[in-house]
Amino acid sequence: MPASWCCSLVSGLAGWRGDGQNRAMRCLLVVWLLLLAGPVLAQGMIRYENARLGFVAEVPAAFVAEGTDAAGQSFRLRGQAVALRIWGEPMRGGFSAGVARVQQSLAGEGWRVVEQATTPDWARFSASKGSRMRVVRMIGLCDGASFAAVQVEFSAPEQAGLHPTIDRLGRSLRAVGC
């Protein structure tokens, strides 16, 4: 019986006792509820798609859209001084040159890169300016001539609470149409 592991697990965790039919029904109920939970949990995300450059990112529903331009979209976290920007643009000179250009732009605004990890296809770096932090995740896109980026700006005390959100945003950024 393929679902027996589930029934055993549920029975053991919940301490359920009774005849096999009752346990099987409870197991089916738990499986059914778990299957329903997936779409409900996914509703907490907003899909941002840039069809022009070919990339998507999943934005937590707690972020409110603020502005759009040709390159991307800006968001703000409700009730907090947390800004999110998702954008893409053509690279001039390859992916590493695109990363360097974004970092130079930050430096020109007074930000100091404090950590970074870079590969030929993606980059992640953090910058600080006083008590503010920016975390940027960049990926090369399918055309080989553009990149997409997610940037989150927040105050240093907010970092611990935002860490899972920032990680999820970075992981959701992906090229489409390759």
Protein backbone atom coordinates (compact mmCIF):
# COMPACT_ATOMS: atom_id res chain seq x y z
CA MET A 1 0.00 0.00 0.00
CA PRO A 2 1.86 3.16 -1.24
CA ALA A 3 0.24 5.58 1.22
CA SER A 4 0.95 3.40 4.24
CA TRP A 5 4.00 5.48 5.20
CA CYS A 6 1.74 8.54 5.40
CA CYS A 7 -0.83 6.73 7.52
CA SER A 8 1.88 5.41 9.83
CA LEU A 9 3.42 8.84 10.15
CA VAL A 10 0.11 10.58 10.79
CA SER A 11 -1.01 7.89 13.21
CA GLY A 12 2.27 8.06 15.09
CA LEU A 13 2.44 11.84 15.23
CA ALA A 14 -1.17 12.37 16.19
CA GLY A 15 -1.44 9.39 18.51
CA TRP A 16 -4.50 8.20 16.63
CA ARG A 17 -5.78 4.80 17.49
CA GLY A 18 -8.65 2.81 16.12
CA ASP A 19 -9.40 0.38 13.38
CA GLY A 20 -7.63 0.47 10.03
CA GLN A 21 -10.55 2.04 8.19
CA ASN A 22 -10.69 5.06 10.55
CA ARG A 23 -6.92 5.54 10.32
CA ALA A 24 -7.04 5.32 6.53
CA MET A 25 -9.82 7.92 6.39
CA ARG A 26 -7.87 10.24 8.68
CA CYS A 27 -4.79 9.79 6.53
CA LEU A 28 -6.74 10.63 3.37
CA LEU A 29 -8.16 13.70 5.09
CA VAL A 30 -4.66 14.90 6.05
CA VAL A 31 -3.33 14.29 2.52
CA TRP A 32 -6.31 16.14 1.04
CA LEU A 33 -5.78 19.10 3.39
CA LEU A 34 -2.08 19.23 2.53
CA LEU A 35 -2.87 19.26 -1.19
CA LEU A 36 -5.28 22.15 -0.66
CA ALA A 37 -2.73 24.08 1.39
CA GLY A 38 -0.28 24.44 -1.52
CA PRO A 39 -2.44 26.81 -3.62
CA VAL A 40 -3.50 28.73 -0.52
CA LEU A 41 0.11 29.34 0.51
CA ALA A 42 1.05 30.32 -3.05
CA GLN A 43 -1.59 33.07 -3.01
CA GLY A 44 0.71 35.08 -0.75
CA MET A 45 2.92 35.86 -3.74
CA ILE A 46 2.55 38.23 -6.69
CA ARG A 47 4.23 37.23 -9.94
CA TYR A 48 6.23 40.02 -11.56
CA GLU A 49 7.03 39.30 -15.18
CA ASN A 50 9.15 41.30 -17.59
CA ALA A 51 8.20 39.87 -20.99
CA ARG A 52 10.45 42.29 -22.87
CA LEU A 53 13.64 40.90 -21.33
CA GLY A 54 12.29 37.47 -20.36
CA PHE A 55 12.40 37.09 -16.57
CA VAL A 56 10.07 36.61 -13.61
CA ALA A 57 10.19 37.02 -9.84
CA GLU A 58 7.74 36.20 -7.06
CA VAL A 59 7.01 39.19 -4.81
CA PRO A 60 5.45 38.66 -1.36
CA ALA A 61 1.91 40.10 -1.25
CA ALA A 62 2.90 42.36 1.68
CA PHE A 63 4.79 44.52 -0.85
CA VAL A 64 2.81 47.29 -2.55
CA ALA A 65 3.68 48.35 -6.10
CA GLU A 66 4.89 51.94 -6.24
CA GLY A 67 6.20 52.73 -9.68
CA THR A 68 6.99 51.23 -13.04
CA ASP A 69 9.45 52.27 -15.69
CA ALA A 70 10.84 50.68 -18.85
CA ALA A 71 13.41 48.72 -16.82
CA GLY A 72 11.22 47.31 -14.04
CA GLN A 73 9.01 47.79 -11.00
CA SER A 74 9.43 49.29 -7.52
CA PHE A 75 7.63 48.08 -4.38
CA ARG A 76 7.45 49.09 -0.72
CA LEU A 77 6.74 46.79 2.23
CA ARG A 78 3.55 47.85 4.00
CA GLY A 79 4.26 49.60 7.29
CA GLN A 80 8.06 49.45 7.01
CA ALA A 81 10.86 51.40 5.37
CA VAL A 82 11.75 48.49 3.09
CA ALA A 83 12.08 49.12 -0.64
CA LEU A 84 12.19 46.48 -3.37
CA ARG A 85 13.20 47.04 -6.97
CA ILE A 86 13.07 44.43 -9.71
CA TRP A 87 14.61 45.41 -13.02
CA GLY A 88 16.53 44.27 -16.03
CA GLU A 89 18.71 45.93 -18.59
CA PRO A 90 21.09 45.19 -21.44
CA MET A 91 24.67 44.39 -20.49
CA ARG A 92 27.57 46.22 -22.02
CA GLY A 93 30.62 43.98 -21.99
CA GLY A 94 29.22 40.77 -20.48
CA PHE A 95 27.70 39.75 -17.16
CA SER A 96 30.69 40.61 -14.95
CA ALA A 97 30.78 44.08 -16.53
CA GLY A 98 27.05 44.47 -15.77
CA VAL A 99 27.67 43.52 -12.13
CA ALA A 100 30.57 45.97 -11.92
CA ARG A 101 28.40 48.72 -13.44
CA VAL A 102 25.64 48.20 -10.83
CA GLN A 103 28.23 48.23 -8.03
CA GLN A 104 29.82 51.41 -9.42
CA SER A 105 26.40 53.04 -9.54
CA LEU A 106 25.87 52.15 -5.87
CA ALA A 107 29.33 53.49 -4.98
CA GLY A 108 28.46 56.74 -6.76
CA GLU A 109 25.44 57.06 -4.44
CA GLY A 110 27.63 56.53 -1.35
CA TRP A 111 27.06 52.78 -0.85
CA ARG A 112 29.94 50.47 0.09
CA VAL A 113 29.89 46.83 -1.08
CA VAL A 114 30.50 44.73 2.04
CA GLU A 115 30.09 41.19 0.67
CA GLN A 116 29.69 39.52 -2.68
CA ALA A 117 29.56 36.19 -4.45
CA THR A 118 29.75 36.08 -8.24
CA THR A 119 29.70 33.36 -10.89
CA PRO A 120 29.53 33.71 -14.68
CA ASP A 121 25.68 33.47 -14.50
CA TRP A 122 24.63 35.11 -11.20
CA ALA A 123 25.82 37.52 -8.56
CA ARG A 124 24.74 38.39 -5.04
CA PHE A 125 26.16 41.28 -3.09
CA SER A 126 25.33 43.51 -0.15
CA ALA A 127 26.13 47.17 0.31
CA SER A 128 25.83 49.47 3.29
CA LYS A 129 25.35 53.20 3.74
CA GLY A 130 25.06 54.34 7.34
CA SER A 131 22.41 52.14 8.96
CA ARG A 132 20.85 51.16 5.59
CA MET A 133 21.59 47.95 3.70
CA ARG A 134 21.00 46.90 0.10
CA VAL A 135 21.05 43.29 -1.04
CA VAL A 136 21.21 42.72 -4.79
CA ARG A 137 20.77 39.45 -6.68
CA MET A 138 21.51 39.47 -10.43
CA ILE A 139 21.18 36.79 -13.11
CA GLY A 140 22.19 36.65 -16.74
CA LEU A 141 19.26 36.23 -19.11
CA CYS A 142 18.66 33.85 -22.01
CA ASP A 143 19.73 36.29 -24.71
CA GLY A 144 23.22 36.47 -23.19
CA ALA A 145 23.08 40.23 -23.59
CA SER A 146 20.85 41.27 -20.63
CA PHE A 147 20.56 40.78 -16.90
CA ALA A 148 17.75 40.85 -14.34
CA ALA A 149 18.13 42.01 -10.76
CA VAL A 150 16.28 42.12 -7.45
CA GLN A 151 17.36 44.77 -4.95
CA VAL A 152 16.04 45.10 -1.40
CA GLU A 153 16.87 48.14 0.73
CA PHE A 154 16.24 48.13 4.48
CA SER A 155 17.63 49.34 7.79
CA ALA A 156 20.21 47.13 9.49
CA PRO A 157 17.94 46.25 12.48
CA GLU A 158 15.35 44.83 10.03
CA GLN A 159 17.84 42.44 8.43
CA ALA A 160 17.17 39.36 10.60
CA GLY A 161 13.42 39.49 10.02
CA LEU A 162 13.83 40.05 6.27
CA HIS A 163 16.43 37.34 5.65
CA PRO A 164 13.90 34.63 4.59
CA THR A 165 12.05 37.10 2.34
CA ILE A 166 15.26 38.27 0.68
CA ASP A 167 16.38 34.68 0.09
CA ARG A 168 13.01 33.74 -1.38
CA LEU A 169 12.99 36.77 -3.67
CA GLY A 170 16.49 35.95 -4.89
CA ARG A 171 15.61 32.32 -5.56
CA SER A 172 12.43 33.29 -7.42
CA LEU A 173 14.28 35.50 -9.90
CA ARG A 174 14.67 33.41 -13.05
CA ALA A 175 14.92 33.72 -16.79
CA VAL A 176 12.02 32.47 -18.91
CA GLY A 177 11.79 31.49 -22.55
CA CYS A 178 15.25 29.95 -22.84
